[in-house]
């Protein structure tokens, strides 16, 4: 009986943690979207970098999968959805606050129609953890110095 109560208690604790993480992701995604709308990209990026550097929990408190899942779920229920840059910056905040290394990447691709397309994603230890696309290898990754002054239209 004690074992069953322990399992139930653990299950409730895990569910509450998942709900809390989802709410954090929704909160940060909302603020990032507002920032993309009302701030210059360089300003927002500086703020996101500062927020991400404030570690709130011990390393690995939330799994990397849990962090990215919560951002994806928050983007799906958010009115109007969220573009790749907002999702990547939100993931950056959550990863940084949870002690994970991250690298915000922005790339461009000239489509067959001739138009220029941009995409943002997050890498951790050379692995894409948010924003993977089947054609991601076709995107030319921009140097950080190039896009730090760029408008947030991704």
Protein backbone atom coordinates (compact mmCIF):
# COMPACT_ATOMS: atom_id res chain seq x y z
CA UNK A 1 0.00 0.00 0.00
CA UNK A 2 2.84 2.35 0.85
CA UNK A 3 4.40 1.72 -2.55
CA UNK A 4 1.16 2.61 -4.34
CA UNK A 5 0.82 5.87 -2.40
CA UNK A 6 4.44 6.69 -3.21
CA UNK A 7 3.78 6.09 -6.94
CA UNK A 8 0.66 8.26 -6.88
CA UNK A 9 2.49 11.04 -5.04
CA UNK A 10 5.36 10.85 -7.54
CA UNK A 11 2.94 10.91 -10.47
CA UNK A 12 1.21 14.00 -9.13
CA UNK A 13 4.54 15.73 -8.57
CA UNK A 14 5.62 14.96 -12.15
CA UNK A 15 2.31 16.22 -13.58
CA UNK A 16 2.54 19.45 -11.58
CA UNK A 17 6.11 19.97 -12.78
CA UNK A 18 5.01 19.46 -16.40
CA UNK A 19 2.15 21.94 -15.99
CA UNK A 20 4.53 24.44 -14.39
CA UNK A 21 7.01 24.07 -17.24
CA UNK A 22 4.25 24.51 -19.84
CA UNK A 23 3.09 27.70 -18.08
CA UNK A 24 6.68 29.02 -18.05
CA UNK A 25 7.02 28.28 -21.76
CA UNK A 26 3.72 30.01 -22.52
CA UNK A 27 4.74 33.05 -20.43
CA UNK A 28 8.15 33.42 -22.07
CA UNK A 29 6.79 32.76 -25.55
CA UNK A 30 4.22 35.52 -25.04
CA UNK A 31 6.90 37.98 -23.91
CA UNK A 32 9.27 37.03 -26.74
CA UNK A 33 6.50 37.50 -29.32
CA UNK A 34 5.72 40.92 -27.87
CA UNK A 35 9.42 41.75 -27.90
CA UNK A 36 9.73 40.76 -31.55
CA UNK A 37 6.85 43.06 -32.34
CA UNK A 38 7.93 46.13 -30.35
CA UNK A 39 11.72 45.97 -29.92
CA UNK A 40 14.65 45.95 -32.27
CA UNK A 41 16.01 42.43 -32.67
CA UNK A 42 19.36 43.35 -31.08
CA UNK A 43 17.56 44.75 -28.01
CA UNK A 44 15.42 41.67 -27.62
CA UNK A 45 18.35 39.33 -28.15
CA UNK A 46 20.32 41.12 -25.42
CA UNK A 47 17.38 40.80 -23.01
CA UNK A 48 16.86 37.13 -23.85
CA UNK A 49 20.58 36.45 -23.34
CA UNK A 50 20.46 38.15 -19.92
CA UNK A 51 17.36 36.20 -18.85
CA UNK A 52 18.79 32.90 -20.10
CA UNK A 53 21.99 33.40 -18.10
CA UNK A 54 20.07 33.48 -14.81
CA UNK A 55 20.15 29.83 -13.84
CA UNK A 56 17.09 29.10 -11.71
CA UNK A 57 17.43 25.36 -11.17
CA UNK A 58 20.11 22.77 -10.83
CA UNK A 59 21.34 21.29 -14.10
CA UNK A 60 18.95 18.71 -15.47
CA UNK A 61 15.98 19.61 -13.23
CA UNK A 62 13.87 19.48 -16.39
CA UNK A 63 14.91 17.25 -19.25
CA UNK A 64 15.87 18.82 -22.55
CA UNK A 65 12.98 16.94 -24.15
CA UNK A 66 10.60 18.39 -21.54
CA UNK A 67 11.80 21.92 -22.26
CA UNK A 68 11.42 21.67 -26.02
CA UNK A 69 8.11 19.83 -25.71
CA UNK A 70 6.69 22.58 -23.51
CA UNK A 71 7.69 25.28 -26.02
CA UNK A 72 6.12 23.30 -28.88
CA UNK A 73 2.89 22.78 -26.91
CA UNK A 74 2.74 26.44 -25.87
CA UNK A 75 3.20 27.52 -29.50
CA UNK A 76 0.39 25.21 -30.62
CA UNK A 77 -2.17 26.63 -28.18
CA UNK A 78 -1.06 30.25 -28.45
CA UNK A 79 -3.46 32.40 -30.47
CA UNK A 80 -1.80 33.00 -33.83
CA UNK A 81 0.83 30.33 -33.14
CA UNK A 82 4.50 31.23 -33.01
CA UNK A 83 7.18 31.47 -35.65
CA UNK A 84 10.53 29.73 -35.46
CA UNK A 85 12.42 32.72 -34.04
CA UNK A 86 10.01 33.15 -31.12
CA UNK A 87 10.15 29.42 -30.38
CA UNK A 88 13.95 29.36 -30.61
CA UNK A 89 14.38 32.35 -28.28
CA UNK A 90 11.91 30.90 -25.78
CA UNK A 91 13.80 27.61 -25.85
CA UNK A 92 17.02 29.55 -25.31
CA UNK A 93 15.59 31.13 -22.14
CA UNK A 94 14.37 27.83 -20.69
CA UNK A 95 17.57 25.97 -21.57
CA UNK A 96 19.75 28.66 -20.04
CA UNK A 97 17.68 28.84 -16.87
CA UNK A 98 18.00 25.09 -16.51
CA UNK A 99 21.76 24.94 -17.08
CA UNK A 100 21.80 23.56 -20.64
CA UNK A 101 24.24 24.92 -23.23
CA UNK A 102 22.50 26.49 -26.23
CA UNK A 103 23.30 28.23 -29.48
CA UNK A 104 20.71 30.34 -31.31
CA UNK A 105 21.17 29.76 -35.05
CA UNK A 106 19.66 31.68 -37.93
CA UNK A 107 20.00 30.56 -41.51
CA UNK A 108 18.80 31.64 -44.93
CA UNK A 109 17.87 29.68 -48.03
CA UNK A 110 17.11 30.77 -51.57
CA UNK A 111 13.98 28.86 -52.51
CA UNK A 112 13.38 27.43 -55.97
CA UNK A 113 10.93 30.28 -56.55
CA UNK A 114 13.84 32.69 -55.99
CA UNK A 115 12.58 34.13 -52.72
CA UNK A 116 14.80 34.25 -49.66
CA UNK A 117 13.59 32.19 -46.68
CA UNK A 118 14.91 32.41 -43.15
CA UNK A 119 14.74 29.95 -40.28
CA UNK A 120 15.84 29.96 -36.63
CA UNK A 121 16.73 26.96 -34.53
CA UNK A 122 18.54 26.02 -31.32
CA UNK A 123 21.54 23.74 -31.09
CA UNK A 124 23.02 22.20 -27.98
CA UNK A 125 26.41 20.56 -28.25
CA UNK A 126 26.15 20.58 -32.09
CA UNK A 127 22.73 18.85 -32.03
CA UNK A 128 19.53 20.59 -33.16
CA UNK A 129 17.09 20.49 -30.26
CA UNK A 130 14.45 22.96 -31.52
CA UNK A 131 13.49 23.95 -35.04
CA UNK A 132 14.73 20.98 -37.06
CA UNK A 133 13.48 20.83 -40.65
CA UNK A 134 14.07 18.09 -43.24
CA UNK A 135 15.91 20.61 -45.47
CA UNK A 136 17.87 22.26 -42.62
CA UNK A 137 21.18 21.37 -44.27
CA UNK A 138 20.28 23.62 -47.21
CA UNK A 139 20.13 26.71 -44.98
CA UNK A 140 23.25 28.87 -44.92
CA UNK A 141 23.94 29.61 -41.28
CA UNK A 142 24.53 33.30 -40.65
CA UNK A 143 27.32 34.57 -38.44
CA UNK A 144 26.04 36.12 -35.21
CA UNK A 145 27.59 39.50 -36.05
CA UNK A 146 25.50 39.62 -39.23
CA UNK A 147 22.08 39.12 -37.67
CA UNK A 148 22.53 40.96 -34.38
CA UNK A 149 21.23 44.16 -35.96
CA UNK A 150 18.67 42.44 -38.17
CA UNK A 151 14.92 42.98 -37.89
CA UNK A 152 12.95 40.25 -36.14
CA UNK A 153 10.91 39.13 -39.13
CA UNK A 154 11.67 35.41 -38.91
